């Protein structure tokens, strides 16, 4: 079975959650979660898709008539909101002045 096309947004969410995101089935109630680690840090991420921030349109999109897949709009009107928390900090981590 072929993998459905997905937007870059859903590729990112899929990598964070280690799952395949089917763009065509997403709604404003879709949620995902995942945990990833790097350099001893562990990050836990909760993702919610939200509507009402962007239009479901191709208007205003550079090459909007050619960006959409299978005649669909270039934007589907959904925004993935990522809530990222650091759940583990390695013992050898240094403090940063950045906040």
PDB file of N, CA and C in Angstrom:
ATOM      1  N   UNK A   1       0.850  -1.176   0.000  1.00  0.00           N
ATOM      2  CA  UNK A   1       0.000   0.000   0.000  1.00  0.00           C
ATOM      3  C   UNK A   1       0.889   1.231   0.000  1.00  0.00           C
ATOM      4  N   UNK A   2       0.653   2.201  -0.900  1.00  0.00           N
ATOM      5  CA  UNK A   2       1.513   3.383  -0.952  1.00  0.00           C
ATOM      6  C   UNK A   2       1.310   4.271   0.264  1.00  0.00           C
ATOM      7  N   UNK A   3       2.370   4.957   0.646  1.00  0.00           N
ATOM      8  CA  UNK A   3       2.305   5.893   1.763  1.00  0.00           C
ATOM      9  C   UNK A   3       1.620   7.159   1.270  1.00  0.00           C
ATOM     10  N   UNK A   4       0.603   7.662   2.004  1.00  0.00           N
ATOM     11  CA  UNK A   4      -0.076   8.873   1.549  1.00  0.00           C
ATOM     12  C   UNK A   4       0.869  10.062   1.625  1.00  0.00           C
ATOM     13  N   UNK A   5       0.676  11.043   0.741  1.00  0.00           N
ATOM     14  CA  UNK A   5       1.536  12.221   0.798  1.00  0.00           C
ATOM     15  C   UNK A   5       1.334  12.963   2.103  1.00  0.00           C
ATOM     16  N   UNK A   6       2.369  13.589   2.587  1.00  0.00           N
ATOM     17  CA  UNK A   6       2.223  14.366   3.812  1.00  0.00           C
ATOM     18  C   UNK A   6       2.964  15.682   3.675  1.00  0.00           C
ATOM     19  N   UNK A   7       2.518  16.627   4.434  1.00  0.00           N
ATOM     20  CA  UNK A   7       3.157  17.928   4.476  1.00  0.00           C
ATOM     21  C   UNK A   7       4.407  17.858   5.332  1.00  0.00           C
ATOM     22  N   UNK A   8       5.315  18.811   5.156  1.00  0.00           N
ATOM     23  CA  UNK A   8       6.524  18.867   5.976  1.00  0.00           C
ATOM     24  C   UNK A   8       6.204  18.899   7.457  1.00  0.00           C
ATOM     25  N   UNK A   9       5.114  19.563   7.798  1.00  0.00           N
ATOM     26  CA  UNK A   9       4.669  19.625   9.194  1.00  0.00           C
ATOM     27  C   UNK A   9       4.431  18.215   9.731  1.00  0.00           C
ATOM     28  N   UNK A  10       3.788  17.379   8.938  1.00  0.00           N
ATOM     29  CA  UNK A  10       3.451  16.032   9.387  1.00  0.00           C
ATOM     30  C   UNK A  10       4.655  15.105   9.352  1.00  0.00           C
ATOM     31  N   UNK A  11       5.605  15.392   8.468  1.00  0.00           N
ATOM     32  CA  UNK A  11       6.875  14.654   8.464  1.00  0.00           C
ATOM     33  C   UNK A  11       7.593  14.899   9.788  1.00  0.00           C
ATOM     34  N   UNK A  12       7.627  16.159  10.236  1.00  0.00           N
ATOM     35  CA  UNK A  12       8.271  16.501  11.508  1.00  0.00           C
ATOM     36  C   UNK A  12       7.571  15.809  12.675  1.00  0.00           C
ATOM     37  N   UNK A  13       6.243  15.882  12.708  1.00  0.00           N
ATOM     38  CA  UNK A  13       5.479  15.233  13.781  1.00  0.00           C
ATOM     39  C   UNK A  13       5.713  13.726  13.765  1.00  0.00           C
ATOM     40  N   UNK A  14       5.756  13.139  12.587  1.00  0.00           N
ATOM     41  CA  UNK A  14       6.011  11.705  12.473  1.00  0.00           C
ATOM     42  C   UNK A  14       7.378  11.313  13.003  1.00  0.00           C
ATOM     43  N   UNK A  15       8.378  12.157  12.758  1.00  0.00           N
ATOM     44  CA  UNK A  15       9.708  11.870  13.288  1.00  0.00           C
ATOM     45  C   UNK A  15       9.759  12.001  14.798  1.00  0.00           C
ATOM     46  N   UNK A  16       9.068  12.973  15.344  1.00  0.00           N
ATOM     47  CA  UNK A  16       9.039  13.157  16.801  1.00  0.00           C
ATOM     48  C   UNK A  16       8.327  11.996  17.481  1.00  0.00           C
ATOM     49  N   UNK A  17       7.248  11.502  16.861  1.00  0.00           N
ATOM     50  CA  UNK A  17       6.422  10.470  17.491  1.00  0.00           C
ATOM     51  C   UNK A  17       6.735   9.063  17.003  1.00  0.00           C
ATOM     52  N   UNK A  18       7.674   8.962  16.047  1.00  0.00           N
ATOM     53  CA  UNK A  18       8.040   7.670  15.470  1.00  0.00           C
ATOM     54  C   UNK A  18       6.806   6.959  14.897  1.00  0.00           C
ATOM     55  N   UNK A  19       6.001   7.740  14.159  1.00  0.00           N
ATOM     56  CA  UNK A  19       4.799   7.169  13.559  1.00  0.00           C
ATOM     57  C   UNK A  19       4.583   7.784  12.181  1.00  0.00           C
ATOM     58  N   UNK A  20       3.739   7.143  11.396  1.00  0.00           N
ATOM     59  CA  UNK A  20       3.381   7.647  10.082  1.00  0.00           C
ATOM     60  C   UNK A  20       2.139   8.513  10.229  1.00  0.00           C
ATOM     61  N   UNK A  21       2.216   9.763   9.773  1.00  0.00           N
ATOM     62  CA  UNK A  21       1.088  10.682   9.884  1.00  0.00           C
ATOM     63  C   UNK A  21       0.410  10.780   8.523  1.00  0.00           C
ATOM     64  N   UNK A  22      -0.849  10.405   8.466  1.00  0.00           N
ATOM     65  CA  UNK A  22      -1.626  10.490   7.230  1.00  0.00           C
ATOM     66  C   UNK A  22      -2.313  11.851   7.198  1.00  0.00           C
ATOM     67  N   UNK A  23      -1.758  12.754   6.423  1.00  0.00           N
ATOM     68  CA  UNK A  23      -2.259  14.125   6.343  1.00  0.00           C
ATOM     69  C   UNK A  23      -3.753  14.164   6.019  1.00  0.00           C
ATOM     70  N   UNK A  24      -4.210  13.259   5.181  1.00  0.00           N
ATOM     71  CA  UNK A  24      -5.607  13.298   4.728  1.00  0.00           C
ATOM     72  C   UNK A  24      -6.610  12.978   5.824  1.00  0.00           C
ATOM     73  N   UNK A  25      -6.178  12.402   6.938  1.00  0.00           N
ATOM     74  CA  UNK A  25      -7.115  12.044   8.000  1.00  0.00           C
ATOM     75  C   UNK A  25      -7.055  12.985   9.202  1.00  0.00           C
ATOM     76  N   UNK A  26      -6.209  14.006   9.160  1.00  0.00           N
ATOM     77  CA  UNK A  26      -6.050  14.906  10.296  1.00  0.00           C
ATOM     78  C   UNK A  26      -7.247  15.830  10.469  1.00  0.00           C
ATOM     79  N   UNK A  27      -7.573  16.125  11.726  1.00  0.00           N
ATOM     80  CA  UNK A  27      -8.621  17.093  12.056  1.00  0.00           C
ATOM     81  C   UNK A  27      -8.106  17.982  13.184  1.00  0.00           C
ATOM     82  N   UNK A  28      -8.935  18.935  13.588  1.00  0.00           N
ATOM     83  CA  UNK A  28      -8.531  19.813  14.687  1.00  0.00           C
ATOM     84  C   UNK A  28      -8.636  19.139  16.050  1.00  0.00           C
ATOM     85  N   UNK A  29      -8.903  17.843  16.072  1.00  0.00           N
ATOM     86  CA  UNK A  29      -8.879  17.088  17.330  1.00  0.00           C
ATOM     87  C   UNK A  29      -7.756  16.049  17.345  1.00  0.00           C
ATOM     88  N   UNK A  30      -6.935  16.031  16.305  1.00  0.00           N
ATOM     89  CA  UNK A  30      -5.841  15.049  16.220  1.00  0.00           C
ATOM     90  C   UNK A  30      -4.740  15.402  17.218  1.00  0.00           C
ATOM     91  N   UNK A  31      -4.261  14.399  17.938  1.00  0.00           N
ATOM     92  CA  UNK A  31      -3.166  14.589  18.895  1.00  0.00           C
ATOM     93  C   UNK A  31      -2.180  13.441  18.771  1.00  0.00           C
ATOM     94  N   UNK A  32      -0.930  13.729  19.084  1.00  0.00           N
ATOM     95  CA  UNK A  32       0.137  12.736  19.068  1.00  0.00           C
ATOM     96  C   UNK A  32       1.098  13.071  20.197  1.00  0.00           C
ATOM     97  N   UNK A  33       1.899  12.100  20.588  1.00  0.00           N
ATOM     98  CA  UNK A  33       2.935  12.363  21.582  1.00  0.00           C
ATOM     99  C   UNK A  33       4.123  11.456  21.309  1.00  0.00           C
ATOM    100  N   UNK A  34       5.263  11.891  21.790  1.00  0.00           N
ATOM    101  CA  UNK A  34       6.466  11.100  21.588  1.00  0.00           C
ATOM    102  C   UNK A  34       7.588  11.553  22.495  1.00  0.00           C
ATOM    103  N   UNK A  35       8.606  10.720  22.558  1.00  0.00           N
ATOM    104  CA  UNK A  35       9.786  11.006  23.362  1.00  0.00           C
ATOM    105  C   UNK A  35      11.008  10.754  22.507  1.00  0.00           C
ATOM    106  N   UNK A  36      11.930  11.690  22.519  1.00  0.00           N
ATOM    107  CA  UNK A  36      13.187  11.538  21.802  1.00  0.00           C
ATOM    108  C   UNK A  36      14.325  11.939  22.729  1.00  0.00           C
ATOM    109  N   UNK A  37      15.528  11.454  22.414  1.00  0.00           N
ATOM    110  CA  UNK A  37      16.687  11.820  23.233  1.00  0.00           C
ATOM    111  C   UNK A  37      17.832  12.224  22.329  1.00  0.00           C
ATOM    112  N   UNK A  38      18.678  13.086  22.879  1.00  0.00           N
ATOM    113  CA  UNK A  38      19.877  13.540  22.177  1.00  0.00           C
ATOM    114  C   UNK A  38      20.873  14.021  23.213  1.00  0.00           C
ATOM    115  N   UNK A  39      22.102  13.537  23.116  1.00  0.00           N
ATOM    116  CA  UNK A  39      23.208  13.954  23.984  1.00  0.00           C
ATOM    117  C   UNK A  39      22.870  13.836  25.467  1.00  0.00           C
ATOM    118  N   UNK A  40      22.124  12.805  25.810  1.00  0.00           N
ATOM    119  CA  UNK A  40      21.789  12.576  27.213  1.00  0.00           C
ATOM    120  C   UNK A  40      20.525  13.281  27.673  1.00  0.00           C
ATOM    121  N   UNK A  41      20.021  14.220  26.892  1.00  0.00           N
ATOM    122  CA  UNK A  41      18.766  14.890  27.216  1.00  0.00           C
ATOM    123  C   UNK A  41      17.616  14.046  26.689  1.00  0.00           C
ATOM    124  N   UNK A  42      16.497  14.029  27.413  1.00  0.00           N
ATOM    125  CA  UNK A  42      15.286  13.356  26.950  1.00  0.00           C
ATOM    126  C   UNK A  42      14.183  14.403  26.869  1.00  0.00           C
ATOM    127  N   UNK A  43      13.523  14.442  25.714  1.00  0.00           N
ATOM    128  CA  UNK A  43      12.471  15.413  25.452  1.00  0.00           C
ATOM    129  C   UNK A  43      11.146  14.688  25.256  1.00  0.00           C
ATOM    130  N   UNK A  44      10.113  15.163  25.929  1.00  0.00           N
ATOM    131  CA  UNK A  44       8.773  14.620  25.770  1.00  0.00           C
ATOM    132  C   UNK A  44       7.928  15.683  25.065  1.00  0.00           C
ATOM    133  N   UNK A  45       7.246  15.291  24.000  1.00  0.00           N
ATOM    134  CA  UNK A  45       6.493  16.253  23.204  1.00  0.00           C
ATOM    135  C   UNK A  45       5.043  15.816  23.057  1.00  0.00           C
ATOM    136  N   UNK A  46       4.127  16.745  23.321  1.00  0.00           N
ATOM    137  CA  UNK A  46       2.698  16.554  23.066  1.00  0.00           C
ATOM    138  C   UNK A  46       2.330  17.465  21.902  1.00  0.00           C
ATOM    139  N   UNK A  47       1.634  16.922  20.914  1.00  0.00           N
ATOM    140  CA  UNK A  47       1.316  17.659  19.699  1.00  0.00           C
ATOM    141  C   UNK A  47      -0.194  17.672  19.504  1.00  0.00           C
ATOM    142  N   UNK A  48      -0.732  18.853  19.274  1.00  0.00           N
ATOM    143  CA  UNK A  48      -2.149  19.028  18.981  1.00  0.00           C
ATOM    144  C   UNK A  48      -2.283  19.786  17.682  1.00  0.00           C
ATOM    145  N   UNK A  49      -3.197  19.356  16.841  1.00  0.00           N
ATOM    146  CA  UNK A  49      -3.496  20.075  15.608  1.00  0.00           C
ATOM    147  C   UNK A  49      -4.626  21.056  15.906  1.00  0.00           C
ATOM    148  N   UNK A  50      -4.433  22.316  15.504  1.00  0.00           N
ATOM    149  CA  UNK A  50      -5.362  23.391  15.818  1.00  0.00           C
ATOM    150  C   UNK A  50      -5.825  24.042  14.517  1.00  0.00           C
ATOM    151  N   UNK A  51      -7.103  24.342  14.427  1.00  0.00           N
ATOM    152  CA  UNK A  51      -7.621  25.059  13.262  1.00  0.00           C
ATOM    153  C   UNK A  51      -7.926  26.501  13.658  1.00  0.00           C
ATOM    154  N   UNK A  52      -8.165  27.354  12.647  1.00  0.00           N
ATOM    155  CA  UNK A  52      -8.545  28.736  12.904  1.00  0.00           C
ATOM    156  C   UNK A  52      -7.387  29.722  12.869  1.00  0.00           C
ATOM    157  N   UNK A  53      -6.156  29.227  12.762  1.00  0.00           N
ATOM    158  CA  UNK A  53      -4.993  30.120  12.703  1.00  0.00           C
ATOM    159  C   UNK A  53      -4.589  30.413  11.269  1.00  0.00           C
ATOM    160  N   UNK A  54      -4.811  29.473  10.371  1.00  0.00           N
ATOM    161  CA  UNK A  54      -4.524  29.612   8.948  1.00  0.00           C
ATOM    162  C   UNK A  54      -5.758  29.189   8.167  1.00  0.00           C
ATOM    163  N   UNK A  55      -5.894  29.733   6.981  1.00  0.00           N
ATOM    164  CA  UNK A  55      -7.019  29.346   6.134  1.00  0.00           C
ATOM    165  C   UNK A  55      -6.743  28.045   5.403  1.00  0.00           C
ATOM    166  N   UNK A  56      -7.806  27.370   5.011  1.00  0.00           N
ATOM    167  CA  UNK A  56      -7.712  26.184   4.163  1.00  0.00           C
ATOM    168  C   UNK A  56      -7.771  26.694   2.731  1.00  0.00           C
ATOM    169  N   UNK A  57      -6.592  27.081   2.190  1.00  0.00           N
ATOM    170  CA  UNK A  57      -6.571  27.809   0.930  1.00  0.00           C
ATOM    171  C   UNK A  57      -5.226  27.688   0.226  1.00  0.00           C
ATOM    172  N   UNK A  58      -5.208  28.118  -1.009  1.00  0.00           N
ATOM    173  CA  UNK A  58      -3.953  28.279  -1.747  1.00  0.00           C
ATOM    174  C   UNK A  58      -3.684  29.756  -2.026  1.00  0.00           C
ATOM    175  N   UNK A  59      -4.621  30.616  -1.628  1.00  0.00           N
ATOM    176  CA  UNK A  59      -4.489  32.056  -1.856  1.00  0.00           C
ATOM    177  C   UNK A  59      -3.314  32.590  -1.045  1.00  0.00           C
ATOM    178  N   UNK A  60      -2.452  33.346  -1.713  1.00  0.00           N
ATOM    179  CA  UNK A  60      -1.307  33.952  -1.037  1.00  0.00           C
ATOM    180  C   UNK A  60      -0.104  33.037  -0.927  1.00  0.00           C
ATOM    181  N   UNK A  61      -0.211  31.826  -1.427  1.00  0.00           N
ATOM    182  CA  UNK A  61       0.898  30.873  -1.385  1.00  0.00           C
ATOM    183  C   UNK A  61       1.650  30.964  -2.706  1.00  0.00           C
ATOM    184  N   UNK A  62       2.961  31.121  -2.644  1.00  0.00           N
ATOM    185  CA  UNK A  62       3.780  31.174  -3.848  1.00  0.00           C
ATOM    186  C   UNK A  62       3.550  29.903  -4.662  1.00  0.00           C
ATOM    187  N   UNK A  63       3.166  30.026  -5.907  1.00  0.00           N
ATOM    188  CA  UNK A  63       2.848  28.900  -6.785  1.00  0.00           C
ATOM    189  C   UNK A  63       1.733  28.047  -6.197  1.00  0.00           C
ATOM    190  N   UNK A  64       0.763  28.709  -5.568  1.00  0.00           N
ATOM    191  CA  UNK A  64      -0.327  28.013  -4.876  1.00  0.00           C
ATOM    192  C   UNK A  64      -1.074  27.010  -5.724  1.00  0.00           C
ATOM    193  N   UNK A  65      -1.184  27.274  -7.031  1.00  0.00           N
ATOM    194  CA  UNK A  65      -1.935  26.344  -7.876  1.00  0.00           C
ATOM    195  C   UNK A  65      -1.160  25.068  -8.170  1.00  0.00           C
ATOM    196  N   UNK A  66       0.155  25.056  -7.927  1.00  0.00           N
ATOM    197  CA  UNK A  66       0.961  23.869  -8.206  1.00  0.00           C
ATOM    198  C   UNK A  66       1.479  23.186  -6.943  1.00  0.00           C
ATOM    199  N   UNK A  67       1.274  23.812  -5.795  1.00  0.00           N
ATOM    200  CA  UNK A  67       1.798  23.245  -4.543  1.00  0.00           C
ATOM    201  C   UNK A  67       0.864  22.190  -3.972  1.00  0.00           C
ATOM    202  N   UNK A  68      -0.433  22.398  -4.079  1.00  0.00           N
ATOM    203  CA  UNK A  68      -1.388  21.443  -3.533  1.00  0.00           C
ATOM    204  C   UNK A  68      -1.269  20.081  -4.199  1.00  0.00           C
ATOM    205  N   UNK A  69      -1.573  19.038  -3.443  1.00  0.00           N
ATOM    206  CA  UNK A  69      -1.463  17.671  -3.936  1.00  0.00           C
ATOM    207  C   UNK A  69      -2.835  17.201  -4.398  1.00  0.00           C
ATOM    208  N   UNK A  70      -2.906  16.612  -5.588  1.00  0.00           N
ATOM    209  CA  UNK A  70      -4.151  16.070  -6.140  1.00  0.00           C
ATOM    210  C   UNK A  70      -5.281  17.091  -6.140  1.00  0.00           C
ATOM    211  N   UNK A  71      -4.968  18.344  -6.491  1.00  0.00           N
ATOM    212  CA  UNK A  71      -5.989  19.376  -6.589  1.00  0.00           C
ATOM    213  C   UNK A  71      -6.438  19.966  -5.278  1.00  0.00           C
ATOM    214  N   UNK A  72      -5.820  19.585  -4.183  1.00  0.00           N
ATOM    215  CA  UNK A  72      -6.196  20.139  -2.885  1.00  0.00           C
ATOM    216  C   UNK A  72      -5.479  21.462  -2.652  1.00  0.00           C
ATOM    217  N   UNK A  73      -5.964  22.228  -1.699  1.00  0.00           N
ATOM    218  CA  UNK A  73      -5.332  23.493  -1.356  1.00  0.00           C
ATOM    219  C   UNK A  73      -3.923  23.271  -0.822  1.00  0.00           C
ATOM    220  N   UNK A  74      -3.083  24.296  -0.988  1.00  0.00           N
ATOM    221  CA  UNK A  74      -1.712  24.216  -0.494  1.00  0.00           C
ATOM    222  C   UNK A  74      -1.675  24.179   1.034  1.00  0.00           C
ATOM    223  N   UNK A  75      -2.615  24.842   1.685  1.00  0.00           N
ATOM    224  CA  UNK A  75      -2.727  24.825   3.148  1.00  0.00           C
ATOM    225  C   UNK A  75      -4.019  24.122   3.532  1.00  0.00           C
ATOM    226  N   UNK A  76      -3.948  23.276   4.551  1.00  0.00           N
ATOM    227  CA  UNK A  76      -5.159  22.580   4.990  1.00  0.00           C
ATOM    228  C   UNK A  76      -5.827  23.259   6.176  1.00  0.00           C
ATOM    229  N   UNK A  77      -5.275  24.379   6.643  1.00  0.00           N
ATOM    230  CA  UNK A  77      -5.883  25.114   7.742  1.00  0.00           C
ATOM    231  C   UNK A  77      -5.525  24.598   9.115  1.00  0.00           C
ATOM    232  N   UNK A  78      -4.660  23.603   9.198  1.00  0.00           N
ATOM    233  CA  UNK A  78      -4.273  23.049  10.500  1.00  0.00           C
ATOM    234  C   UNK A  78      -2.847  23.454  10.851  1.00  0.00           C
ATOM    235  N   UNK A  79      -2.633  23.736  12.123  1.00  0.00           N
ATOM    236  CA  UNK A  79      -1.309  24.060  12.651  1.00  0.00           C
ATOM    237  C   UNK A  79      -0.988  23.035  13.724  1.00  0.00           C
ATOM    238  N   UNK A  80       0.206  22.460  13.662  1.00  0.00           N
ATOM    239  CA  UNK A  80       0.646  21.531  14.709  1.00  0.00           C
ATOM    240  C   UNK A  80       1.310  22.339  15.812  1.00  0.00           C
ATOM    241  N   UNK A  81       0.743  22.285  17.011  1.00  0.00           N
ATOM    242  CA  UNK A  81       1.290  22.987  18.166  1.00  0.00           C
ATOM    243  C   UNK A  81       2.049  21.968  19.001  1.00  0.00           C
ATOM    244  N   UNK A  82       3.354  22.225  19.184  1.00  0.00           N
ATOM    245  CA  UNK A  82       4.221  21.302  19.912  1.00  0.00           C
ATOM    246  C   UNK A  82       4.508  21.839  21.299  1.00  0.00           C
ATOM    247  N   UNK A  83       4.227  21.038  22.318  1.00  0.00           N
ATOM    248  CA  UNK A  83       4.557  21.360  23.709  1.00  0.00           C
ATOM    249  C   UNK A  83       5.700  20.435  24.099  1.00  0.00           C
ATOM    250  N   UNK A  84       6.915  20.986  24.158  1.00  0.00           N
ATOM    251  CA  UNK A  84       8.116  20.190  24.395  1.00  0.00           C
ATOM    252  C   UNK A  84       8.602  20.411  25.821  1.00  0.00           C
ATOM    253  N   UNK A  85       8.855  19.321  26.514  1.00  0.00           N
ATOM    254  CA  UNK A  85       9.383  19.388  27.882  1.00  0.00           C
ATOM    255  C   UNK A  85      10.658  18.563  27.954  1.00  0.00           C
ATOM    256  N   UNK A  86      11.650  19.091  28.648  1.00  0.00           N
ATOM    257  CA  UNK A  86      12.864  18.316  28.922  1.00  0.00           C
ATOM    258  C   UNK A  86      12.569  17.476  30.153  1.00  0.00           C
ATOM    259  N   UNK A  87      12.600  16.159  29.989  1.00  0.00           N
ATOM    260  CA  UNK A  87      12.272  15.277  31.111  1.00  0.00           C
ATOM    261  C   UNK A  87      13.505  14.709  31.799  1.00  0.00           C
ATOM    262  N   UNK A  88      14.641  14.711  31.104  1.00  0.00           N
ATOM    263  CA  UNK A  88      15.891  14.234  31.701  1.00  0.00           C
ATOM    264  C   UNK A  88      17.027  15.143  31.246  1.00  0.00           C
ATOM    265  N   UNK A  89      17.812  15.602  32.219  1.00  0.00           N
ATOM    266  CA  UNK A  89      19.002  16.404  31.937  1.00  0.00           C
ATOM    267  C   UNK A  89      20.214  15.594  32.398  1.00  0.00           C
ATOM    268  N   UNK A  90      21.195  15.423  31.521  1.00  0.00           N
ATOM    269  CA  UNK A  90      22.365  14.637  31.932  1.00  0.00           C
ATOM    270  C   UNK A  90      23.145  15.340  33.051  1.00  0.00           C
ATOM    271  N   UNK A  91      23.787  14.531  33.870  1.00  0.00           N
ATOM    272  CA  UNK A  91      24.528  15.085  35.018  1.00  0.00           C
ATOM    273  C   UNK A  91      25.643  16.030  34.583  1.00  0.00           C
ATOM    274  N   UNK A  92      26.231  15.804  33.413  1.00  0.00           N
ATOM    275  CA  UNK A  92      27.339  16.636  32.988  1.00  0.00           C
ATOM    276  C   UNK A  92      26.910  17.885  32.224  1.00  0.00           C
ATOM    277  N   UNK A  93      25.600  18.183  32.187  1.00  0.00           N
ATOM    278  CA  UNK A  93      25.110  19.372  31.479  1.00  0.00           C
ATOM    279  C   UNK A  93      25.543  20.636  32.218  1.00  0.00           C
ATOM    280  N   UNK A  94      25.866  21.663  31.474  1.00  0.00           N
ATOM    281  CA  UNK A  94      26.245  22.937  32.078  1.00  0.00           C
ATOM    282  C   UNK A  94      25.097  23.909  31.968  1.00  0.00           C
ATOM    283  N   UNK A  95      25.030  24.831  32.931  1.00  0.00           N
ATOM    284  CA  UNK A  95      23.988  25.847  32.904  1.00  0.00           C
ATOM    285  C   UNK A  95      24.300  26.873  31.846  1.00  0.00           C
ATOM    286  N   UNK A  96      23.258  27.384  31.221  1.00  0.00           N
ATOM    287  CA  UNK A  96      23.388  28.417  30.210  1.00  0.00           C
ATOM    288  C   UNK A  96      22.688  29.666  30.707  1.00  0.00           C
ATOM    289  N   UNK A  97      23.146  30.811  30.258  1.00  0.00           N
ATOM    290  CA  UNK A  97      22.484  32.050  30.635  1.00  0.00           C
ATOM    291  C   UNK A  97      21.249  32.288  29.773  1.00  0.00           C
ATOM    292  N   UNK A  98      21.072  31.487  28.733  1.00  0.00           N
ATOM    293  CA  UNK A  98      19.906  31.628  27.865  1.00  0.00           C
ATOM    294  C   UNK A  98      18.653  31.185  28.608  1.00  0.00           C
ATOM    295  N   UNK A  99      17.559  31.877  28.380  1.00  0.00           N
ATOM    296  CA  UNK A  99      16.301  31.489  29.025  1.00  0.00           C
ATOM    297  C   UNK A  99      15.246  31.208  28.006  1.00  0.00           C
TER     298      UNK A  99
END
